[in-house]
């Protein structure tokens, strides 16, 4: 299977909710929720994409090459690439019935593991939106990150225990899902979390805990204060608040706020290995990618997810060659300029 064949098959399997556009930039699908678009005008999504296009890479090929190493260590494990599938839930609501929660989770979790990467898995109104993906995580030997919505504390703690029982290597909370009023309307209220409650939840487990949906230096500092292992700088794909800043737009100041100790993932319209390079130069340790991984799964199942991950890894290595970087540690702030 080639990547172009994957896209052609995805266009058939994923219709009509996603058009598999040549550029996954949020323009055609803006406002389509449920669906794949951004909220309201869709500018939270489209701005993230447009901002990355303004980040330019410094080219330097005058060096003695020792090869390119794209690997990273996180959660006590080595991964071939700093690229992870973002959590996607309610797959049949937002896409179609080609997959259910379990079959989609198996595609992304097992496909990412095949490519020596990993997937974050989702959560939602129904219990199986969280528990079915845990089956895939367990089948993958724990190589996956279950992601919990900011439910009431008792339910969060219950789901942390389920993640532990599945052998997950880490657990996350997409704290920005507090803005998903559709969940409250369905009888499953979500809400923002204070530092004390988050600290209690994080202390309740030995698993590395990640907070997804951080978009300001102050919020990042609060996450560090609560004891989080890492954060995901994300605007939830533009799906919870219109007209947000782009994640990569705030990465440098968030890195300055928390220093080098906290792990930072970036999530927001990253579409290529060059985009991965840009995010790392702006301050991220690794990235999460959402919608294109859905397309990869719909187009080729686990094989498609592995193929897409390896494609991104090859593009990242090619960019590193042209920018004089032998390892991820060489991708420093001076390698990217915003115009």
C-alpha atoms as a PDB file:
ATOM      1  CA  UNK A   1       0.000   0.000   0.000  1.00  0.00           C
ATOM      2  CA  UNK A   2       1.252   3.482  -0.872  1.00  0.00           C
ATOM      3  CA  UNK A   3       0.198   6.634   0.940  1.00  0.00           C
ATOM      4  CA  UNK A   4      -1.759   7.789  -2.119  1.00  0.00           C
ATOM      5  CA  UNK A   5      -3.608   4.466  -2.190  1.00  0.00           C
ATOM      6  CA  UNK A   6      -4.347   4.910   1.498  1.00  0.00           C
ATOM      7  CA  UNK A   7      -5.872   8.347   0.869  1.00  0.00           C
ATOM      8  CA  UNK A   8      -7.994   7.046  -2.010  1.00  0.00           C
ATOM      9  CA  UNK A   9      -9.400   4.253   0.141  1.00  0.00           C
ATOM     10  CA  UNK A  10      -9.954   6.587   3.075  1.00  0.00           C
ATOM     11  CA  UNK A  11     -12.040   8.902   0.908  1.00  0.00           C
ATOM     12  CA  UNK A  12     -14.390   5.972   0.253  1.00  0.00           C
ATOM     13  CA  UNK A  13     -14.477   4.617   3.793  1.00  0.00           C
ATOM     14  CA  UNK A  14     -14.749   7.884   5.715  1.00  0.00           C
ATOM     15  CA  UNK A  15     -17.449   9.676   3.662  1.00  0.00           C
ATOM     16  CA  UNK A  16     -19.411  11.845   4.103  1.00  0.00           C
ATOM     17  CA  UNK A  17     -18.088  13.413   7.333  1.00  0.00           C
ATOM     18  CA  UNK A  18     -14.531  13.932   6.058  1.00  0.00           C
ATOM     19  CA  UNK A  19     -13.617  14.814   2.446  1.00  0.00           C
ATOM     20  CA  UNK A  20      -9.946  13.808   2.828  1.00  0.00           C
ATOM     21  CA  UNK A  21      -8.923  17.214   1.487  1.00  0.00           C
ATOM     22  CA  UNK A  22      -5.570  17.712  -0.193  1.00  0.00           C
ATOM     23  CA  UNK A  23      -4.775  20.097   2.681  1.00  0.00           C
ATOM     24  CA  UNK A  24      -6.325  19.159   6.037  1.00  0.00           C
ATOM     25  CA  UNK A  25      -6.672  22.797   7.074  1.00  0.00           C
ATOM     26  CA  UNK A  26     -10.200  23.048   8.478  1.00  0.00           C
ATOM     27  CA  UNK A  27     -11.594  25.263   5.735  1.00  0.00           C
ATOM     28  CA  UNK A  28     -14.112  22.935   4.093  1.00  0.00           C
ATOM     29  CA  UNK A  29     -15.358  21.376   7.341  1.00  0.00           C
ATOM     30  CA  UNK A  30     -15.485  24.541   9.456  1.00  0.00           C
ATOM     31  CA  UNK A  31     -18.306  24.513  11.993  1.00  0.00           C
ATOM     32  CA  UNK A  32     -19.164  20.855  11.383  1.00  0.00           C
ATOM     33  CA  UNK A  33     -19.610  19.416  14.887  1.00  0.00           C
ATOM     34  CA  UNK A  34     -20.460  16.556  15.250  1.00  0.00           C
ATOM     35  CA  UNK A  35     -18.028  15.942  12.455  1.00  0.00           C
ATOM     36  CA  UNK A  36     -14.437  16.908  11.823  1.00  0.00           C
ATOM     37  CA  UNK A  37     -14.436  20.696  11.835  1.00  0.00           C
ATOM     38  CA  UNK A  38     -13.625  23.450  14.257  1.00  0.00           C
ATOM     39  CA  UNK A  39     -16.215  25.178  16.414  1.00  0.00           C
ATOM     40  CA  UNK A  40     -18.176  28.158  15.120  1.00  0.00           C
ATOM     41  CA  UNK A  41     -16.266  29.924  12.372  1.00  0.00           C
ATOM     42  CA  UNK A  42     -13.615  27.205  12.560  1.00  0.00           C
ATOM     43  CA  UNK A  43     -10.853  29.762  13.044  1.00  0.00           C
ATOM     44  CA  UNK A  44      -9.405  27.890  16.026  1.00  0.00           C
ATOM     45  CA  UNK A  45      -8.560  25.092  13.580  1.00  0.00           C
ATOM     46  CA  UNK A  46      -7.654  27.153  10.517  1.00  0.00           C
ATOM     47  CA  UNK A  47      -5.445  29.576  12.463  1.00  0.00           C
ATOM     48  CA  UNK A  48      -3.399  26.701  13.879  1.00  0.00           C
ATOM     49  CA  UNK A  49      -2.745  25.471  10.336  1.00  0.00           C
ATOM     50  CA  UNK A  50      -1.965  28.946   8.986  1.00  0.00           C
ATOM     51  CA  UNK A  51       0.389  29.780  11.863  1.00  0.00           C
ATOM     52  CA  UNK A  52       2.572  26.762  11.179  1.00  0.00           C
ATOM     53  CA  UNK A  53       2.970  27.928   7.571  1.00  0.00           C
ATOM     54  CA  UNK A  54       4.583  31.112   8.930  1.00  0.00           C
ATOM     55  CA  UNK A  55       7.281  29.141  10.768  1.00  0.00           C
ATOM     56  CA  UNK A  56      10.350  28.869   8.532  1.00  0.00           C
ATOM     57  CA  UNK A  57      13.253  26.473   8.985  1.00  0.00           C
ATOM     58  CA  UNK A  58      16.935  27.487   8.955  1.00  0.00           C
ATOM     59  CA  UNK A  59      18.783  25.395   6.367  1.00  0.00           C
ATOM     60  CA  UNK A  60      22.373  24.318   7.081  1.00  0.00           C
ATOM     61  CA  UNK A  61      24.142  21.515   5.233  1.00  0.00           C
ATOM     62  CA  UNK A  62      27.719  22.459   6.112  1.00  0.00           C
ATOM     63  CA  UNK A  63      28.501  19.851   8.748  1.00  0.00           C
ATOM     64  CA  UNK A  64      30.005  16.403   9.155  1.00  0.00           C
ATOM     65  CA  UNK A  65      27.027  14.081   9.170  1.00  0.00           C
ATOM     66  CA  UNK A  66      26.799  11.175  11.603  1.00  0.00           C
ATOM     67  CA  UNK A  67      23.284  10.316  10.454  1.00  0.00           C
ATOM     68  CA  UNK A  68      19.927  11.313  11.891  1.00  0.00           C
ATOM     69  CA  UNK A  69      18.446   9.846  15.069  1.00  0.00           C
ATOM     70  CA  UNK A  70      14.728  10.631  15.446  1.00  0.00           C
ATOM     71  CA  UNK A  71      14.234   8.526  18.587  1.00  0.00           C
ATOM     72  CA  UNK A  72      12.998   9.756  21.954  1.00  0.00           C
ATOM     73  CA  UNK A  73      12.576   8.324  25.457  1.00  0.00           C
ATOM     74  CA  UNK A  74       9.289   8.974  27.246  1.00  0.00           C
ATOM     75  CA  UNK A  75       7.411   7.083  29.975  1.00  0.00           C
ATOM     76  CA  UNK A  76      10.547   4.997  30.515  1.00  0.00           C
ATOM     77  CA  UNK A  77      10.410   3.692  26.926  1.00  0.00           C
ATOM     78  CA  UNK A  78      12.179   4.359  23.655  1.00  0.00           C
ATOM     79  CA  UNK A  79      10.173   5.389  20.580  1.00  0.00           C
ATOM     80  CA  UNK A  80      11.484   5.651  17.019  1.00  0.00           C
ATOM     81  CA  UNK A  81       9.819   9.026  16.518  1.00  0.00           C
ATOM     82  CA  UNK A  82       8.463  11.862  18.705  1.00  0.00           C
ATOM     83  CA  UNK A  83       5.073  11.464  17.004  1.00  0.00           C
ATOM     84  CA  UNK A  84       1.928  10.103  18.675  1.00  0.00           C
ATOM     85  CA  UNK A  85      -1.695   9.665  17.620  1.00  0.00           C
ATOM     86  CA  UNK A  86      -4.014  12.048  19.468  1.00  0.00           C
ATOM     87  CA  UNK A  87      -7.079  10.749  21.342  1.00  0.00           C
ATOM     88  CA  UNK A  88     -10.236  10.542  19.230  1.00  0.00           C
ATOM     89  CA  UNK A  89     -13.524   9.337  20.746  1.00  0.00           C
ATOM     90  CA  UNK A  90     -17.128   8.933  19.608  1.00  0.00           C
ATOM     91  CA  UNK A  91     -15.811   7.739  16.270  1.00  0.00           C
ATOM     92  CA  UNK A  92     -19.216   6.776  14.869  1.00  0.00           C
ATOM     93  CA  UNK A  93     -20.747  10.115  15.867  1.00  0.00           C
ATOM     94  CA  UNK A  94     -18.003  12.250  14.355  1.00  0.00           C
ATOM     95  CA  UNK A  95     -17.281  10.022  11.345  1.00  0.00           C
ATOM     96  CA  UNK A  96     -19.388   6.984  10.380  1.00  0.00           C
ATOM     97  CA  UNK A  97     -19.979   3.307  11.137  1.00  0.00           C
ATOM     98  CA  UNK A  98     -16.924   1.961   9.329  1.00  0.00           C
ATOM     99  CA  UNK A  99     -15.309   1.580  12.783  1.00  0.00           C
ATOM    100  CA  UNK A 100     -16.649   1.185  16.282  1.00  0.00           C
ATOM    101  CA  UNK A 101     -14.616   2.345  19.289  1.00  0.00           C
ATOM    102  CA  UNK A 102     -12.743  -0.940  19.651  1.00  0.00           C
ATOM    103  CA  UNK A 103     -11.879  -1.486  15.991  1.00  0.00           C
ATOM    104  CA  UNK A 104     -10.703   2.107  15.602  1.00  0.00           C
ATOM    105  CA  UNK A 105      -8.620   1.856  18.779  1.00  0.00           C
ATOM    106  CA  UNK A 106      -7.038  -1.374  17.563  1.00  0.00           C
ATOM    107  CA  UNK A 107      -6.117   0.311  14.275  1.00  0.00           C
ATOM    108  CA  UNK A 108      -4.379   3.297  15.877  1.00  0.00           C
ATOM    109  CA  UNK A 109      -2.921   1.617  18.963  1.00  0.00           C
ATOM    110  CA  UNK A 110      -1.557  -1.466  17.216  1.00  0.00           C
ATOM    111  CA  UNK A 111      -0.556   0.436  14.072  1.00  0.00           C
ATOM    112  CA  UNK A 112       1.340   3.075  16.053  1.00  0.00           C
ATOM    113  CA  UNK A 113       3.076   0.385  18.091  1.00  0.00           C
ATOM    114  CA  UNK A 114       4.123  -1.383  14.871  1.00  0.00           C
ATOM    115  CA  UNK A 115       5.839   1.845  13.837  1.00  0.00           C
ATOM    116  CA  UNK A 116       7.565   2.053  17.249  1.00  0.00           C
ATOM    117  CA  UNK A 117       5.328   4.912  18.355  1.00  0.00           C
ATOM    118  CA  UNK A 118       2.124   5.004  20.418  1.00  0.00           C
ATOM    119  CA  UNK A 119      -1.437   6.297  20.465  1.00  0.00           C
ATOM    120  CA  UNK A 120      -3.460   8.211  23.009  1.00  0.00           C
ATOM    121  CA  UNK A 121      -7.014   6.829  23.256  1.00  0.00           C
ATOM    122  CA  UNK A 122     -10.283   8.614  23.897  1.00  0.00           C
ATOM    123  CA  UNK A 123     -13.266   8.870  26.219  1.00  0.00           C
ATOM    124  CA  UNK A 124     -16.846  10.060  25.965  1.00  0.00           C
ATOM    125  CA  UNK A 125     -20.441   9.909  27.118  1.00  0.00           C
ATOM    126  CA  UNK A 126     -20.714   6.131  26.976  1.00  0.00           C
ATOM    127  CA  UNK A 127     -18.550   3.936  29.208  1.00  0.00           C
ATOM    128  CA  UNK A 128     -17.369   1.861  26.232  1.00  0.00           C
ATOM    129  CA  UNK A 129     -15.871   4.985  24.638  1.00  0.00           C
ATOM    130  CA  UNK A 130     -13.176   4.630  27.317  1.00  0.00           C
ATOM    131  CA  UNK A 131     -13.175   0.921  28.122  1.00  0.00           C
ATOM    132  CA  UNK A 132     -13.133  -0.481  24.572  1.00  0.00           C
ATOM    133  CA  UNK A 133      -9.877   1.306  23.677  1.00  0.00           C
ATOM    134  CA  UNK A 134      -8.383  -0.107  26.892  1.00  0.00           C
ATOM    135  CA  UNK A 135      -8.748  -3.555  25.329  1.00  0.00           C
ATOM    136  CA  UNK A 136      -6.477  -2.431  22.488  1.00  0.00           C
ATOM    137  CA  UNK A 137      -4.006  -0.863  24.931  1.00  0.00           C
ATOM    138  CA  UNK A 138      -3.835  -4.135  26.864  1.00  0.00           C
ATOM    139  CA  UNK A 139      -3.349  -6.091  23.620  1.00  0.00           C
ATOM    140  CA  UNK A 140      -0.459  -3.757  22.805  1.00  0.00           C
ATOM    141  CA  UNK A 141       1.250  -4.585  26.078  1.00  0.00           C
ATOM    142  CA  UNK A 142       0.311  -1.255  27.619  1.00  0.00           C
ATOM    143  CA  UNK A 143       1.774   0.865  24.815  1.00  0.00           C
ATOM    144  CA  UNK A 144      -0.928   3.501  24.792  1.00  0.00           C
ATOM    145  CA  UNK A 145      -2.162   6.479  26.806  1.00  0.00           C
ATOM    146  CA  UNK A 146      -5.836   6.370  27.874  1.00  0.00           C
ATOM    147  CA  UNK A 147      -7.222   9.896  28.032  1.00  0.00           C
ATOM    148  CA  UNK A 148      -9.973  10.785  30.509  1.00  0.00           C
ATOM    149  CA  UNK A 149     -12.455  13.662  30.268  1.00  0.00           C
ATOM    150  CA  UNK A 150     -12.617  16.078  33.245  1.00  0.00           C
ATOM    151  CA  UNK A 151     -15.551  14.262  34.842  1.00  0.00           C
ATOM    152  CA  UNK A 152     -16.402  14.456  38.515  1.00  0.00           C
ATOM    153  CA  UNK A 153     -13.499  13.259  40.653  1.00  0.00           C
ATOM    154  CA  UNK A 154     -14.924   9.850  41.565  1.00  0.00           C
ATOM    155  CA  UNK A 155     -15.340   8.892  37.909  1.00  0.00           C
ATOM    156  CA  UNK A 156     -11.876  10.153  37.005  1.00  0.00           C
ATOM    157  CA  UNK A 157     -10.332   8.050  39.773  1.00  0.00           C
ATOM    158  CA  UNK A 158     -12.340   5.017  38.641  1.00  0.00           C
ATOM    159  CA  UNK A 159     -11.032   5.388  35.106  1.00  0.00           C
ATOM    160  CA  UNK A 160      -7.462   5.849  36.327  1.00  0.00           C
ATOM    161  CA  UNK A 161      -7.808   2.466  38.048  1.00  0.00           C
ATOM    162  CA  UNK A 162      -9.082   0.927  34.788  1.00  0.00           C
ATOM    163  CA  UNK A 163      -6.072   2.336  32.934  1.00  0.00           C
ATOM    164  CA  UNK A 164      -3.755   0.834  35.539  1.00  0.00           C
ATOM    165  CA  UNK A 165      -5.459  -2.560  35.227  1.00  0.00           C
ATOM    166  CA  UNK A 166      -4.963  -2.450  31.453  1.00  0.00           C
ATOM    167  CA  UNK A 167      -1.233  -1.952  32.030  1.00  0.00           C
ATOM    168  CA  UNK A 168      -1.161   1.463  30.350  1.00  0.00           C
ATOM    169  CA  UNK A 169       2.236   3.140  30.276  1.00  0.00           C
ATOM    170  CA  UNK A 170       0.700   6.531  31.190  1.00  0.00           C
ATOM    171  CA  UNK A 171      -2.658   8.244  31.582  1.00  0.00           C
ATOM    172  CA  UNK A 172      -3.920  11.652  30.459  1.00  0.00           C
ATOM    173  CA  UNK A 173      -6.786  14.078  30.964  1.00  0.00           C
ATOM    174  CA  UNK A 174      -7.971  16.380  28.176  1.00  0.00           C
ATOM    175  CA  UNK A 175      -8.786  19.175  30.585  1.00  0.00           C
ATOM    176  CA  UNK A 176     -10.001  21.434  27.761  1.00  0.00           C
ATOM    177  CA  UNK A 177     -12.956  19.091  27.245  1.00  0.00           C
ATOM    178  CA  UNK A 178     -14.498  21.130  30.082  1.00  0.00           C
ATOM    179  CA  UNK A 179     -15.822  23.247  27.218  1.00  0.00           C
ATOM    180  CA  UNK A 180     -17.722  20.402  25.555  1.00  0.00           C
ATOM    181  CA  UNK A 181     -21.238  21.416  26.588  1.00  0.00           C
ATOM    182  CA  UNK A 182     -22.599  18.563  24.481  1.00  0.00           C
ATOM    183  CA  UNK A 183     -21.357  16.188  27.199  1.00  0.00           C
ATOM    184  CA  UNK A 184     -23.222  18.044  29.942  1.00  0.00           C
ATOM    185  CA  UNK A 185     -26.332  18.143  27.770  1.00  0.00           C
ATOM    186  CA  UNK A 186     -26.099  14.356  27.458  1.00  0.00           C
ATOM    187  CA  UNK A 187     -26.137  13.968  31.227  1.00  0.00           C
ATOM    188  CA  UNK A 188     -22.377  13.598  31.698  1.00  0.00           C
ATOM    189  CA  UNK A 189     -21.191  16.909  33.154  1.00  0.00           C
ATOM    190  CA  UNK A 190     -17.593  17.987  32.765  1.00  0.00           C
ATOM    191  CA  UNK A 191     -15.947  20.940  34.457  1.00  0.00           C
ATOM    192  CA  UNK A 192     -12.642  22.774  34.897  1.00  0.00           C
ATOM    193  CA  UNK A 193     -10.307  21.380  37.547  1.00  0.00           C
ATOM    194  CA  UNK A 194      -8.469  23.249  40.285  1.00  0.00           C
ATOM    195  CA  UNK A 195      -4.867  22.563  41.228  1.00  0.00           C
ATOM    196  CA  UNK A 196      -5.749  20.789  44.490  1.00  0.00           C
ATOM    197  CA  UNK A 197      -8.142  18.328  42.845  1.00  0.00           C
ATOM    198  CA  UNK A 198      -5.705  17.643  40.007  1.00  0.00           C
ATOM    199  CA  UNK A 199      -2.887  17.087  42.485  1.00  0.00           C
ATOM    200  CA  UNK A 200      -5.027  14.555  44.376  1.00  0.00           C
ATOM    201  CA  UNK A 201      -5.830  12.701  41.149  1.00  0.00           C
ATOM    202  CA  UNK A 202      -2.188  12.699  40.036  1.00  0.00           C
ATOM    203  CA  UNK A 203      -1.003  11.469  43.446  1.00  0.00           C
ATOM    204  CA  UNK A 204      -3.494   8.604  43.259  1.00  0.00           C
ATOM    205  CA  UNK A 205      -1.466   6.776  40.606  1.00  0.00           C
ATOM    206  CA  UNK A 206       2.129   5.853  39.899  1.00  0.00           C
ATOM    207  CA  UNK A 207       1.512   6.276  36.167  1.00  0.00           C
ATOM    208  CA  UNK A 208       2.935   9.357  34.445  1.00  0.00           C
ATOM    209  CA  UNK A 209       0.030  11.828  34.228  1.00  0.00           C
ATOM    210  CA  UNK A 210      -0.393  14.201  31.286  1.00  0.00           C
ATOM    211  CA  UNK A 211      -2.708  17.209  31.097  1.00  0.00           C
ATOM    212  CA  UNK A 212      -3.929  17.938  27.572  1.00  0.00           C
ATOM    213  CA  UNK A 213      -5.367  21.299  26.596  1.00  0.00           C
ATOM    214  CA  UNK A 214      -2.818  23.765  27.991  1.00  0.00           C
ATOM    215  CA  UNK A 215      -2.612  27.025  26.072  1.00  0.00           C
ATOM    216  CA  UNK A 216      -1.052  29.605  28.413  1.00  0.00           C
ATOM    217  CA  UNK A 217       2.154  29.815  30.488  1.00  0.00           C
ATOM    218  CA  UNK A 218       0.048  30.243  33.628  1.00  0.00           C
ATOM    219  CA  UNK A 219      -1.909  27.054  32.957  1.00  0.00           C
ATOM    220  CA  UNK A 220       1.346  25.213  32.248  1.00  0.00           C
ATOM    221  CA  UNK A 221       2.777  26.402  35.568  1.00  0.00           C
ATOM    222  CA  UNK A 222      -0.377  25.205  37.353  1.00  0.00           C
ATOM    223  CA  UNK A 223      -0.020  21.785  35.706  1.00  0.00           C
ATOM    224  CA  UNK A 224       3.569  21.604  36.957  1.00  0.00           C
ATOM    225  CA  UNK A 225       2.440  22.642  40.436  1.00  0.00           C
ATOM    226  CA  UNK A 226      -0.160  19.844  40.421  1.00  0.00           C
ATOM    227  CA  UNK A 227       2.598  17.332  39.675  1.00  0.00           C
ATOM    228  CA  UNK A 228       1.898  16.492  36.037  1.00  0.00           C
ATOM    229  CA  UNK A 229       4.546  14.494  34.177  1.00  0.00           C
ATOM    230  CA  UNK A 230       3.793  16.443  31.030  1.00  0.00           C
ATOM    231  CA  UNK A 231       1.347  18.664  29.198  1.00  0.00           C
ATOM    232  CA  UNK A 232      -0.133  18.777  25.727  1.00  0.00           C
ATOM    233  CA  UNK A 233      -0.216  22.298  24.341  1.00  0.00           C
ATOM    234  CA  UNK A 234      -3.495  22.081  22.466  1.00  0.00           C
ATOM    235  CA  UNK A 235      -6.698  23.949  21.625  1.00  0.00           C
ATOM    236  CA  UNK A 236      -8.602  20.647  21.214  1.00  0.00           C
ATOM    237  CA  UNK A 237      -8.403  20.946  17.444  1.00  0.00           C
ATOM    238  CA  UNK A 238     -10.362  24.202  17.618  1.00  0.00           C
ATOM    239  CA  UNK A 239     -13.413  22.224  18.738  1.00  0.00           C
ATOM    240  CA  UNK A 240     -14.119  23.818  22.129  1.00  0.00           C
ATOM    241  CA  UNK A 241     -13.492  27.551  21.648  1.00  0.00           C
ATOM    242  CA  UNK A 242     -13.465  29.712  18.542  1.00  0.00           C
ATOM    243  CA  UNK A 243     -10.591  32.131  17.847  1.00  0.00           C
ATOM    244  CA  UNK A 244      -7.989  30.582  20.136  1.00  0.00           C
ATOM    245  CA  UNK A 245      -4.282  31.071  19.732  1.00  0.00           C
ATOM    246  CA  UNK A 246      -2.463  28.364  17.803  1.00  0.00           C
ATOM    247  CA  UNK A 247      -0.665  25.830  20.014  1.00  0.00           C
ATOM    248  CA  UNK A 248       2.662  26.415  18.254  1.00  0.00           C
ATOM    249  CA  UNK A 249       2.136  30.151  18.723  1.00  0.00           C
ATOM    250  CA  UNK A 250       2.400  29.817  22.507  1.00  0.00           C
ATOM    251  CA  UNK A 251       4.946  27.000  22.707  1.00  0.00           C
ATOM    252  CA  UNK A 252       8.055  29.171  23.290  1.00  0.00           C
ATOM    253  CA  UNK A 253       6.612  31.086  26.235  1.00  0.00           C
ATOM    254  CA  UNK A 254       5.160  27.913  27.751  1.00  0.00           C
ATOM    255  CA  UNK A 255       8.569  26.242  27.538  1.00  0.00           C
ATOM    256  CA  UNK A 256      10.121  29.251  29.242  1.00  0.00           C
ATOM    257  CA  UNK A 257       7.478  29.071  31.982  1.00  0.00           C
ATOM    258  CA  UNK A 258       8.051  25.415  32.918  1.00  0.00           C
ATOM    259  CA  UNK A 259      11.710  24.956  32.017  1.00  0.00           C
ATOM    260  CA  UNK A 260      13.312  21.805  30.613  1.00  0.00           C
ATOM    261  CA  UNK A 261      12.018  19.356  33.236  1.00  0.00           C
ATOM    262  CA  UNK A 262       8.386  19.054  32.132  1.00  0.00           C
ATOM    263  CA  UNK A 263       7.591  17.048  29.017  1.00  0.00           C
ATOM    264  CA  UNK A 264       5.713  19.116  26.439  1.00  0.00           C
ATOM    265  CA  UNK A 265       3.677  17.679  23.587  1.00  0.00           C
ATOM    266  CA  UNK A 266       2.256  19.941  20.878  1.00  0.00           C
ATOM    267  CA  UNK A 267      -1.060  19.209  19.184  1.00  0.00           C
ATOM    268  CA  UNK A 268      -2.531  21.443  16.517  1.00  0.00           C
ATOM    269  CA  UNK A 269      -2.645  21.113  12.710  1.00  0.00           C
ATOM    270  CA  UNK A 270       0.724  19.322  12.494  1.00  0.00           C
ATOM    271  CA  UNK A 271       0.637  17.607   9.125  1.00  0.00           C
ATOM    272  CA  UNK A 272       4.191  16.699   8.041  1.00  0.00           C
ATOM    273  CA  UNK A 273       7.611  15.803   9.340  1.00  0.00           C
ATOM    274  CA  UNK A 274       8.661  19.395   8.688  1.00  0.00           C
ATOM    275  CA  UNK A 275       5.795  20.539  10.948  1.00  0.00           C
ATOM    276  CA  UNK A 276       7.047  18.143  13.630  1.00  0.00           C
ATOM    277  CA  UNK A 277      10.491  19.730  13.316  1.00  0.00           C
ATOM    278  CA  UNK A 278       8.950  23.208  13.698  1.00  0.00           C
ATOM    279  CA  UNK A 279       7.066  22.213  16.850  1.00  0.00           C
ATOM    280  CA  UNK A 280      10.226  20.774  18.408  1.00  0.00           C
ATOM    281  CA  UNK A 281      12.219  23.901  17.527  1.00  0.00           C
ATOM    282  CA  UNK A 282       9.516  26.032  19.186  1.00  0.00           C
ATOM    283  CA  UNK A 283       9.778  24.106  22.443  1.00  0.00           C
ATOM    284  CA  UNK A 284       7.971  20.758  22.254  1.00  0.00           C
ATOM    285  CA  UNK A 285       9.515  17.405  23.111  1.00  0.00           C
ATOM    286  CA  UNK A 286       7.039  15.505  20.928  1.00  0.00           C
ATOM    287  CA  UNK A 287       3.784  15.991  19.029  1.00  0.00           C
ATOM    288  CA  UNK A 288       0.265  14.598  18.852  1.00  0.00           C
ATOM    289  CA  UNK A 289      -1.619  14.408  15.550  1.00  0.00           C
ATOM    290  CA  UNK A 290      -5.366  13.825  15.346  1.00  0.00           C
ATOM    291  CA  UNK A 291      -7.406  14.036  12.152  1.00  0.00           C
ATOM    292  CA  UNK A 292      -4.739  12.651   9.747  1.00  0.00           C
ATOM    293  CA  UNK A 293      -4.434   9.559  11.929  1.00  0.00           C
ATOM    294  CA  UNK A 294      -8.175   9.015  11.563  1.00  0.00           C
ATOM    295  CA  UNK A 295      -7.730   9.214   7.788  1.00  0.00           C
ATOM    296  CA  UNK A 296      -4.824   6.755   7.965  1.00  0.00           C
ATOM    297  CA  UNK A 297      -6.908   4.301   9.989  1.00  0.00           C
ATOM    298  CA  UNK A 298      -9.925   4.577   7.681  1.00  0.00           C
ATOM    299  CA  UNK A 299      -7.683   4.144   4.658  1.00  0.00           C
ATOM    300  CA  UNK A 300      -5.619   1.199   5.804  1.00  0.00           C
ATOM    301  CA  UNK A 301      -6.374   0.115   9.368  1.00  0.00           C
ATOM    302  CA  UNK A 302      -3.332  -0.641  11.516  1.00  0.00           C
ATOM    303  CA  UNK A 303      -1.180  -0.965   8.391  1.00  0.00           C
ATOM    304  CA  UNK A 304      -2.246   2.518   7.304  1.00  0.00           C
ATOM    305  CA  UNK A 305      -1.452   3.995  10.711  1.00  0.00           C
ATOM    306  CA  UNK A 306       2.012   2.403  10.674  1.00  0.00           C
ATOM    307  CA  UNK A 307       2.614   3.614   7.118  1.00  0.00           C
ATOM    308  CA  UNK A 308       1.609   7.202   7.997  1.00  0.00           C
ATOM    309  CA  UNK A 309       3.789   7.211  11.115  1.00  0.00           C
ATOM    310  CA  UNK A 310       6.820   5.980   9.185  1.00  0.00           C
ATOM    311  CA  UNK A 311       6.144   8.562   6.463  1.00  0.00           C
ATOM    312  CA  UNK A 312       6.212  11.345   9.057  1.00  0.00           C
ATOM    313  CA  UNK A 313       9.376   9.927  10.602  1.00  0.00           C
ATOM    314  CA  UNK A 314      11.116   9.869   7.217  1.00  0.00           C
ATOM    315  CA  UNK A 315      10.056  13.475   6.552  1.00  0.00           C
ATOM    316  CA  UNK A 316      11.367  14.518   9.962  1.00  0.00           C
ATOM    317  CA  UNK A 317      14.725  12.840   9.255  1.00  0.00           C
ATOM    318  CA  UNK A 318      14.926  14.558   5.855  1.00  0.00           C
ATOM    319  CA  UNK A 319      14.257  17.938   7.474  1.00  0.00           C
ATOM    320  CA  UNK A 320      16.929  17.253  10.085  1.00  0.00           C
ATOM    321  CA  UNK A 321      19.448  16.502   7.309  1.00  0.00           C
ATOM    322  CA  UNK A 322      18.747  19.863   5.684  1.00  0.00           C
ATOM    323  CA  UNK A 323      18.876  21.756   9.001  1.00  0.00           C
ATOM    324  CA  UNK A 324      22.103  20.230  10.299  1.00  0.00           C
ATOM    325  CA  UNK A 325      20.519  18.220  13.114  1.00  0.00           C
ATOM    326  CA  UNK A 326      21.775  14.769  14.034  1.00  0.00           C
ATOM    327  CA  UNK A 327      19.369  14.181  16.926  1.00  0.00           C
ATOM    328  CA  UNK A 328      16.230  15.712  18.391  1.00  0.00           C
ATOM    329  CA  UNK A 329      18.400  17.562  20.929  1.00  0.00           C
ATOM    330  CA  UNK A 330      19.915  19.504  18.006  1.00  0.00           C
ATOM    331  CA  UNK A 331      16.506  20.919  17.020  1.00  0.00           C
ATOM    332  CA  UNK A 332      16.904  24.141  18.968  1.00  0.00           C
ATOM    333  CA  UNK A 333      15.090  27.477  18.912  1.00  0.00           C
ATOM    334  CA  UNK A 334      17.490  28.985  16.398  1.00  0.00           C
ATOM    335  CA  UNK A 335      16.389  26.396  13.814  1.00  0.00           C
ATOM    336  CA  UNK A 336      12.997  28.065  13.261  1.00  0.00           C
ATOM    337  CA  UNK A 337      11.842  31.630  12.648  1.00  0.00           C
ATOM    338  CA  UNK A 338       8.279  32.965  12.630  1.00  0.00           C
ATOM    339  CA  UNK A 339       7.640  35.496   9.864  1.00  0.00           C
END
